[in-house]
N, C-alpha and C. Protein backbone atom coordinates (compact mmCIF):
# COMPACT_ATOMS: atom_id res chain seq x y z
N UNK A 1 72.80 165.82 63.73
CA UNK A 1 73.28 167.06 63.18
C UNK A 1 73.11 168.15 64.24
N UNK A 2 74.13 168.96 64.37
CA UNK A 2 74.10 170.04 65.35
C UNK A 2 73.43 171.28 64.76
N UNK A 3 72.87 172.11 65.63
CA UNK A 3 72.16 173.30 65.19
C UNK A 3 73.10 174.22 64.41
N UNK A 4 74.37 174.26 64.78
CA UNK A 4 75.31 175.13 64.05
C UNK A 4 75.55 174.63 62.63
N UNK A 5 75.16 173.39 62.35
CA UNK A 5 75.29 172.87 60.99
C UNK A 5 74.07 173.21 60.13
N UNK A 6 72.93 173.36 60.71
CA UNK A 6 71.71 173.63 59.94
C UNK A 6 71.46 175.13 59.80
N UNK A 7 71.85 175.91 60.81
CA UNK A 7 71.58 177.35 60.78
C UNK A 7 72.14 178.07 59.55
N UNK A 8 73.35 177.75 59.07
CA UNK A 8 73.84 178.45 57.87
C UNK A 8 72.92 178.27 56.66
N UNK A 9 72.28 177.12 56.54
CA UNK A 9 71.37 176.89 55.41
C UNK A 9 70.08 177.68 55.56
N UNK A 10 69.59 177.78 56.79
CA UNK A 10 68.40 178.60 57.06
C UNK A 10 68.71 180.07 56.76
N UNK A 11 69.83 180.56 57.30
CA UNK A 11 70.21 181.96 57.12
C UNK A 11 70.43 182.29 55.65
N UNK A 12 71.11 181.42 54.93
CA UNK A 12 71.41 181.69 53.52
C UNK A 12 70.17 181.61 52.65
N UNK A 13 69.25 180.73 52.98
CA UNK A 13 67.98 180.67 52.24
C UNK A 13 67.24 181.98 52.40
N UNK A 14 67.12 182.45 53.63
CA UNK A 14 66.44 183.72 53.88
C UNK A 14 67.14 184.87 53.16
N UNK A 15 68.46 184.87 53.19
CA UNK A 15 69.24 185.94 52.57
C UNK A 15 69.06 185.95 51.05
N UNK A 16 69.13 184.80 50.41
CA UNK A 16 68.97 184.73 48.95
C UNK A 16 67.57 185.18 48.55
N UNK A 17 66.56 184.76 49.28
CA UNK A 17 65.20 185.16 48.95
C UNK A 17 65.02 186.67 49.13
N UNK A 18 65.65 187.22 50.15
CA UNK A 18 65.51 188.66 50.38
C UNK A 18 66.31 189.47 49.35
N UNK A 19 67.57 189.12 49.13
CA UNK A 19 68.43 189.96 48.28
C UNK A 19 68.22 189.70 46.79
N UNK A 20 68.02 188.46 46.39
CA UNK A 20 67.91 188.14 44.97
C UNK A 20 66.46 188.21 44.49
N UNK A 21 65.54 187.73 45.32
CA UNK A 21 64.14 187.64 44.90
C UNK A 21 63.25 188.73 45.48
N UNK A 22 63.80 189.52 46.40
CA UNK A 22 63.05 190.64 46.95
C UNK A 22 61.84 190.25 47.76
N UNK A 23 61.91 189.10 48.41
CA UNK A 23 60.80 188.63 49.23
C UNK A 23 61.33 187.99 50.50
N UNK A 24 60.47 187.84 51.46
CA UNK A 24 60.84 187.21 52.72
C UNK A 24 60.47 185.74 52.69
N UNK A 25 61.41 184.89 53.07
CA UNK A 25 61.15 183.46 53.23
C UNK A 25 61.13 183.16 54.72
N UNK A 26 60.04 182.59 55.18
CA UNK A 26 59.87 182.27 56.59
C UNK A 26 59.91 180.77 56.76
N UNK A 27 60.74 180.31 57.70
CA UNK A 27 60.83 178.86 57.89
C UNK A 27 59.91 178.37 59.00
N UNK A 28 59.48 177.14 58.80
CA UNK A 28 58.65 176.47 59.80
C UNK A 28 59.52 175.62 60.70
N UNK A 29 58.91 174.67 61.36
CA UNK A 29 59.59 173.80 62.31
C UNK A 29 60.53 172.84 61.58
N UNK A 30 61.78 172.83 62.00
CA UNK A 30 62.77 171.92 61.42
C UNK A 30 62.49 170.52 61.96
N UNK A 31 62.51 169.54 61.07
CA UNK A 31 62.19 168.16 61.46
C UNK A 31 63.03 167.20 60.63
N UNK A 32 63.01 165.95 61.04
CA UNK A 32 63.69 164.92 60.24
C UNK A 32 63.00 164.81 58.89
N UNK A 33 63.79 164.68 57.84
CA UNK A 33 63.23 164.52 56.50
C UNK A 33 62.55 163.16 56.40
N UNK A 34 61.48 163.10 55.65
CA UNK A 34 60.73 161.86 55.45
C UNK A 34 61.44 161.00 54.41
N UNK A 35 61.94 159.82 54.81
CA UNK A 35 62.64 158.98 53.84
C UNK A 35 61.74 158.50 52.71
N UNK A 36 60.42 158.52 52.92
CA UNK A 36 59.49 158.11 51.87
C UNK A 36 59.31 159.19 50.81
N UNK A 37 59.84 160.38 51.04
CA UNK A 37 59.82 161.42 50.02
C UNK A 37 58.67 162.39 50.07
N UNK A 38 57.93 162.46 51.17
CA UNK A 38 56.79 163.38 51.22
C UNK A 38 57.24 164.85 51.21
N UNK A 39 58.53 165.10 51.43
CA UNK A 39 59.05 166.46 51.39
C UNK A 39 59.36 166.91 49.96
N UNK A 40 59.20 166.03 48.99
CA UNK A 40 59.51 166.36 47.59
C UNK A 40 58.28 166.81 46.84
N UNK A 41 58.50 167.74 45.93
CA UNK A 41 57.43 168.30 45.12
C UNK A 41 57.70 168.00 43.64
N UNK A 42 57.31 168.91 42.76
CA UNK A 42 57.42 168.70 41.32
C UNK A 42 58.84 168.85 40.79
N UNK A 43 59.63 169.71 41.43
CA UNK A 43 60.99 170.00 40.96
C UNK A 43 61.91 170.05 42.17
N UNK A 44 63.07 169.39 42.05
CA UNK A 44 64.06 169.41 43.14
C UNK A 44 65.41 169.84 42.58
N UNK A 45 65.99 170.87 43.20
CA UNK A 45 67.33 171.32 42.86
C UNK A 45 68.25 170.86 43.99
N UNK A 46 69.36 170.23 43.64
CA UNK A 46 70.25 169.73 44.69
C UNK A 46 71.70 169.99 44.33
N UNK A 47 72.50 169.98 45.38
CA UNK A 47 73.93 170.20 45.23
C UNK A 47 74.64 169.38 46.30
N UNK A 48 75.72 168.73 45.91
CA UNK A 48 76.46 167.88 46.83
C UNK A 48 77.52 168.64 47.60
N UNK A 49 77.81 168.15 48.81
CA UNK A 49 78.87 168.69 49.66
C UNK A 49 79.92 167.60 49.84
N UNK A 50 81.18 167.97 49.74
CA UNK A 50 82.25 167.00 49.99
C UNK A 50 83.38 167.70 50.73
N UNK A 51 84.27 166.91 51.29
CA UNK A 51 85.39 167.44 52.07
C UNK A 51 85.26 166.98 53.51
N UNK A 52 85.55 167.87 54.45
CA UNK A 52 85.46 167.50 55.86
C UNK A 52 84.01 167.43 56.33
N UNK A 53 83.10 167.91 55.53
CA UNK A 53 81.66 167.72 55.75
C UNK A 53 81.09 167.17 54.45
N UNK A 54 80.25 166.16 54.58
CA UNK A 54 79.68 165.50 53.40
C UNK A 54 78.17 165.54 53.48
N UNK A 55 77.54 165.61 52.32
CA UNK A 55 76.09 165.57 52.31
C UNK A 55 75.49 166.15 51.05
N UNK A 56 74.23 166.54 51.16
CA UNK A 56 73.47 167.08 50.04
C UNK A 56 72.56 168.19 50.55
N UNK A 57 72.45 169.25 49.76
CA UNK A 57 71.47 170.30 49.99
C UNK A 57 70.44 170.15 48.88
N UNK A 58 69.20 170.04 49.27
CA UNK A 58 68.12 169.74 48.33
C UNK A 58 66.99 170.74 48.57
N UNK A 59 66.54 171.39 47.50
CA UNK A 59 65.41 172.30 47.59
C UNK A 59 64.31 171.76 46.70
N UNK A 60 63.13 171.55 47.26
CA UNK A 60 62.04 170.98 46.50
C UNK A 60 60.87 171.97 46.43
N UNK A 61 60.35 172.14 45.20
CA UNK A 61 59.35 173.17 44.93
C UNK A 61 58.14 172.59 44.22
N UNK A 62 56.93 173.02 44.60
CA UNK A 62 55.79 172.76 43.72
C UNK A 62 56.04 173.52 42.41
N UNK A 63 55.47 173.05 41.31
CA UNK A 63 55.69 173.69 40.02
C UNK A 63 55.38 175.17 40.02
N UNK A 64 54.30 175.55 40.67
CA UNK A 64 53.87 176.95 40.71
C UNK A 64 54.93 177.83 41.39
N UNK A 65 55.52 177.35 42.47
CA UNK A 65 56.58 178.09 43.17
C UNK A 65 57.82 178.19 42.30
N UNK A 66 58.19 177.09 41.65
CA UNK A 66 59.37 177.07 40.78
C UNK A 66 59.24 178.11 39.67
N UNK A 67 58.08 178.16 39.04
CA UNK A 67 57.83 179.12 37.96
C UNK A 67 57.87 180.55 38.50
N UNK A 68 57.27 180.79 39.66
CA UNK A 68 57.26 182.13 40.24
C UNK A 68 58.68 182.61 40.55
N UNK A 69 59.53 181.72 41.07
CA UNK A 69 60.92 182.08 41.37
C UNK A 69 61.66 182.43 40.08
N UNK A 70 61.51 181.60 39.07
CA UNK A 70 62.17 181.84 37.79
C UNK A 70 61.72 183.17 37.18
N UNK A 71 60.43 183.42 37.18
CA UNK A 71 59.92 184.67 36.61
C UNK A 71 60.43 185.88 37.37
N UNK A 72 60.51 185.77 38.69
CA UNK A 72 61.01 186.89 39.51
C UNK A 72 62.49 187.15 39.22
N UNK A 73 63.28 186.08 39.09
CA UNK A 73 64.71 186.24 38.81
C UNK A 73 64.94 186.88 37.44
N UNK A 74 64.09 186.54 36.48
CA UNK A 74 64.29 187.02 35.12
C UNK A 74 63.52 188.31 34.82
N UNK A 75 62.64 188.70 35.74
CA UNK A 75 61.89 189.92 35.55
C UNK A 75 60.84 189.84 34.47
N UNK A 76 60.49 188.63 34.07
CA UNK A 76 59.48 188.44 33.02
C UNK A 76 58.97 187.01 33.08
N UNK A 77 57.82 186.77 32.46
CA UNK A 77 57.29 185.42 32.38
C UNK A 77 57.93 184.72 31.18
N UNK A 78 58.87 183.85 31.47
CA UNK A 78 59.57 183.10 30.42
C UNK A 78 59.11 181.65 30.38
N UNK A 79 57.94 181.38 30.94
CA UNK A 79 57.52 179.99 31.14
C UNK A 79 56.19 179.63 30.50
N UNK A 80 55.60 180.52 29.74
CA UNK A 80 54.25 180.28 29.22
C UNK A 80 53.26 180.01 30.35
N UNK A 81 53.46 180.65 31.47
CA UNK A 81 52.53 180.55 32.59
C UNK A 81 52.86 179.49 33.61
N UNK A 82 52.99 178.24 33.19
CA UNK A 82 53.20 177.17 34.17
C UNK A 82 54.25 176.16 33.75
N UNK A 83 54.83 176.32 32.59
CA UNK A 83 55.77 175.33 32.06
C UNK A 83 57.09 175.33 32.84
N UNK A 84 57.52 174.16 33.25
CA UNK A 84 58.82 174.03 33.91
C UNK A 84 59.83 173.76 32.79
N UNK A 85 60.35 174.84 32.23
CA UNK A 85 61.25 174.75 31.09
C UNK A 85 62.71 174.97 31.52
N UNK A 86 63.60 175.12 30.53
CA UNK A 86 65.03 175.29 30.82
C UNK A 86 65.31 176.54 31.65
N UNK A 87 64.52 177.60 31.45
CA UNK A 87 64.72 178.82 32.25
C UNK A 87 64.46 178.56 33.73
N UNK A 88 63.41 177.79 34.01
CA UNK A 88 63.08 177.45 35.40
C UNK A 88 64.17 176.58 35.99
N UNK A 89 64.61 175.57 35.25
CA UNK A 89 65.66 174.67 35.71
C UNK A 89 66.93 175.47 36.03
N UNK A 90 67.33 176.37 35.13
CA UNK A 90 68.53 177.18 35.36
C UNK A 90 68.39 178.07 36.59
N UNK A 91 67.21 178.68 36.77
CA UNK A 91 67.00 179.56 37.92
C UNK A 91 67.09 178.79 39.23
N UNK A 92 66.46 177.62 39.29
CA UNK A 92 66.49 176.84 40.53
C UNK A 92 67.90 176.32 40.82
N UNK A 93 68.63 175.94 39.78
CA UNK A 93 70.03 175.53 39.98
C UNK A 93 70.86 176.66 40.56
N UNK A 94 70.61 177.86 40.08
CA UNK A 94 71.34 179.02 40.59
C UNK A 94 70.96 179.32 42.04
N UNK A 95 69.68 179.18 42.39
CA UNK A 95 69.25 179.44 43.77
C UNK A 95 69.93 178.46 44.73
N UNK A 96 69.89 177.16 44.43
CA UNK A 96 70.51 176.19 45.34
C UNK A 96 72.02 176.41 45.39
N UNK A 97 72.63 176.83 44.29
CA UNK A 97 74.07 177.11 44.27
C UNK A 97 74.42 178.28 45.19
N UNK A 98 73.62 179.35 45.14
CA UNK A 98 73.87 180.51 46.01
C UNK A 98 73.71 180.14 47.48
N UNK A 99 72.70 179.34 47.79
CA UNK A 99 72.45 178.96 49.18
C UNK A 99 73.56 178.05 49.70
N UNK A 100 73.91 177.02 48.93
CA UNK A 100 74.97 176.10 49.36
C UNK A 100 76.31 176.82 49.45
N UNK A 101 76.60 177.70 48.49
CA UNK A 101 77.86 178.45 48.53
C UNK A 101 77.93 179.39 49.71
N UNK A 102 76.83 180.05 50.02
CA UNK A 102 76.79 180.94 51.18
C UNK A 102 76.94 180.19 52.48
N UNK A 103 76.27 179.04 52.58
CA UNK A 103 76.36 178.23 53.80
C UNK A 103 77.77 177.68 53.98
N UNK A 104 78.36 177.24 52.89
CA UNK A 104 79.73 176.69 52.92
C UNK A 104 80.70 177.70 53.54
N UNK A 105 80.54 178.95 53.20
CA UNK A 105 81.43 180.00 53.71
C UNK A 105 81.30 180.20 55.21
N UNK A 106 80.22 179.73 55.81
CA UNK A 106 79.98 179.92 57.25
C UNK A 106 80.53 178.78 58.11
N UNK A 107 81.09 177.76 57.49
CA UNK A 107 81.59 176.61 58.25
C UNK A 107 83.07 176.79 58.57
N UNK A 108 83.34 177.42 59.71
CA UNK A 108 84.72 177.60 60.16
C UNK A 108 85.34 176.25 60.50
N UNK A 109 86.58 176.08 60.11
CA UNK A 109 87.30 174.86 60.46
C UNK A 109 87.00 173.69 59.53
N UNK A 110 86.18 173.89 58.51
CA UNK A 110 85.87 172.83 57.55
C UNK A 110 86.31 173.24 56.16
N UNK A 111 86.81 172.28 55.43
CA UNK A 111 87.11 172.49 54.02
C UNK A 111 86.04 171.75 53.24
N UNK A 112 85.10 172.51 52.69
CA UNK A 112 83.96 171.93 52.00
C UNK A 112 83.97 172.37 50.54
N UNK A 113 83.74 171.43 49.67
CA UNK A 113 83.56 171.72 48.25
C UNK A 113 82.10 171.43 47.90
N UNK A 114 81.58 172.18 46.93
CA UNK A 114 80.22 171.91 46.48
C UNK A 114 80.27 171.49 45.01
N UNK A 115 79.33 170.62 44.65
CA UNK A 115 79.25 170.14 43.27
C UNK A 115 78.50 171.16 42.42
N UNK A 116 78.41 170.86 41.14
CA UNK A 116 77.52 171.62 40.28
C UNK A 116 76.08 171.26 40.64
N UNK A 117 75.16 172.18 40.50
CA UNK A 117 73.77 171.86 40.84
C UNK A 117 73.15 170.90 39.82
N UNK A 118 72.20 170.11 40.31
CA UNK A 118 71.41 169.21 39.49
C UNK A 118 69.95 169.51 39.77
N UNK A 119 69.13 169.51 38.74
CA UNK A 119 67.70 169.76 38.91
C UNK A 119 66.94 168.58 38.33
N UNK A 120 66.02 168.05 39.14
CA UNK A 120 65.21 166.89 38.76
C UNK A 120 63.76 167.33 38.66
N UNK A 121 63.12 167.02 37.54
CA UNK A 121 61.70 167.35 37.34
C UNK A 121 60.90 166.06 37.37
N UNK A 122 59.69 166.14 37.88
CA UNK A 122 58.80 164.99 37.88
C UNK A 122 58.16 164.79 39.23
N UNK A 123 56.87 164.58 39.22
CA UNK A 123 56.11 164.50 40.46
C UNK A 123 56.52 163.31 41.33
N UNK A 124 56.88 162.20 40.74
CA UNK A 124 57.15 160.99 41.53
C UNK A 124 58.64 160.66 41.63
N UNK A 125 59.50 161.67 41.59
CA UNK A 125 60.93 161.36 41.68
C UNK A 125 61.31 161.03 43.12
N UNK A 126 62.38 160.25 43.25
CA UNK A 126 62.86 159.90 44.60
C UNK A 126 64.36 160.08 44.64
N UNK A 127 64.87 160.34 45.82
CA UNK A 127 66.30 160.53 46.05
C UNK A 127 66.69 159.77 47.30
N UNK A 128 67.87 159.20 47.27
CA UNK A 128 68.41 158.57 48.48
C UNK A 128 69.50 159.48 49.03
N UNK A 129 69.44 159.73 50.31
CA UNK A 129 70.46 160.57 50.94
C UNK A 129 71.70 159.73 51.23
N UNK A 130 72.86 160.36 51.29
CA UNK A 130 74.09 159.60 51.54
C UNK A 130 74.03 158.81 52.84
N UNK A 131 74.57 157.61 52.81
CA UNK A 131 74.63 156.76 53.99
C UNK A 131 75.42 157.47 55.09
N UNK A 132 74.93 157.37 56.30
CA UNK A 132 75.63 157.94 57.44
C UNK A 132 75.33 159.41 57.68
N UNK A 133 74.41 159.97 56.90
CA UNK A 133 74.04 161.37 57.12
C UNK A 133 72.69 161.46 57.82
N UNK A 134 72.51 162.55 58.52
CA UNK A 134 71.22 162.87 59.12
C UNK A 134 70.55 163.85 58.16
N UNK A 135 69.30 163.60 57.83
CA UNK A 135 68.58 164.47 56.89
C UNK A 135 67.49 165.24 57.62
N UNK A 136 67.58 166.56 57.53
CA UNK A 136 66.57 167.42 58.15
C UNK A 136 65.84 168.21 57.07
N UNK A 137 64.54 168.40 57.28
CA UNK A 137 63.70 169.16 56.37
C UNK A 137 63.32 170.48 57.02
N UNK A 138 63.43 171.55 56.24
CA UNK A 138 63.08 172.88 56.71
C UNK A 138 62.02 173.44 55.77
N UNK A 139 60.76 173.44 56.18
CA UNK A 139 59.72 174.01 55.31
C UNK A 139 59.80 175.54 55.33
N UNK A 140 59.61 176.13 54.17
CA UNK A 140 59.61 177.59 54.03
C UNK A 140 58.35 178.02 53.32
N UNK A 141 57.94 179.26 53.58
CA UNK A 141 56.87 179.89 52.81
C UNK A 141 57.32 181.29 52.44
N UNK A 142 56.83 181.76 51.30
CA UNK A 142 57.13 183.10 50.83
C UNK A 142 55.98 183.54 49.94
N UNK A 143 56.00 184.80 49.52
CA UNK A 143 54.94 185.27 48.61
C UNK A 143 55.03 184.57 47.26
N UNK A 144 56.16 183.94 46.96
CA UNK A 144 56.32 183.19 45.70
C UNK A 144 55.82 181.76 45.82
N UNK A 145 55.55 181.32 47.05
CA UNK A 145 55.04 179.98 47.28
C UNK A 145 55.82 179.25 48.35
N UNK A 146 55.40 178.03 48.61
CA UNK A 146 56.05 177.20 49.62
C UNK A 146 57.11 176.32 48.97
N UNK A 147 58.09 175.91 49.78
CA UNK A 147 59.14 175.00 49.34
C UNK A 147 59.78 174.38 50.57
N UNK A 148 60.58 173.35 50.34
CA UNK A 148 61.26 172.67 51.44
C UNK A 148 62.75 172.59 51.13
N UNK A 149 63.57 172.92 52.11
CA UNK A 149 65.01 172.71 52.02
C UNK A 149 65.34 171.50 52.88
N UNK A 150 65.97 170.49 52.29
CA UNK A 150 66.43 169.33 53.05
C UNK A 150 67.95 169.33 53.04
N UNK A 151 68.52 169.12 54.20
CA UNK A 151 69.98 169.08 54.31
C UNK A 151 70.36 167.74 54.92
N UNK A 152 71.19 167.00 54.20
CA UNK A 152 71.77 165.75 54.70
C UNK A 152 73.23 166.04 54.96
N UNK A 153 73.71 165.71 56.16
CA UNK A 153 75.00 166.25 56.57
C UNK A 153 75.70 165.33 57.54
N UNK A 154 77.00 165.18 57.35
CA UNK A 154 77.84 164.53 58.37
C UNK A 154 79.22 165.15 58.30
N UNK A 155 79.88 165.19 59.43
CA UNK A 155 81.26 165.72 59.47
C UNK A 155 82.20 164.57 59.76
N UNK A 156 83.41 164.68 59.21
CA UNK A 156 84.40 163.62 59.44
C UNK A 156 85.43 164.06 60.45
């Protein structure tokens, strides 16, 4: 994967956290995603990419971070403190949708479609990335907590 393919996801993640959540998201060292799933936490929001570029954008959050993001988006605690309920699922789906949609707009010369977001809950969930894609993990930290963005990507 080329740097120009990963940068839109980094930029859009930072932008969504700043404009929607009012906080700064700082990324760590970009690395290959762990196929064994160590980059996954309690909740993962993902969205598929299709067209001249194919892949998946996946955001994985510890439960505490997921709840904090949802509460910040809604301006209130709608989770009974720590519950990963429908409000949290909806908020995370919207976050991954904004990031994937923003990144999609930055790919000149590509016709990319994005799927509807999917959110998976559960500590031991696993995901397989599309065959033929390179998967990179981008760790982030913010005042709302830590999370990882994984991007699996190939161009045709």
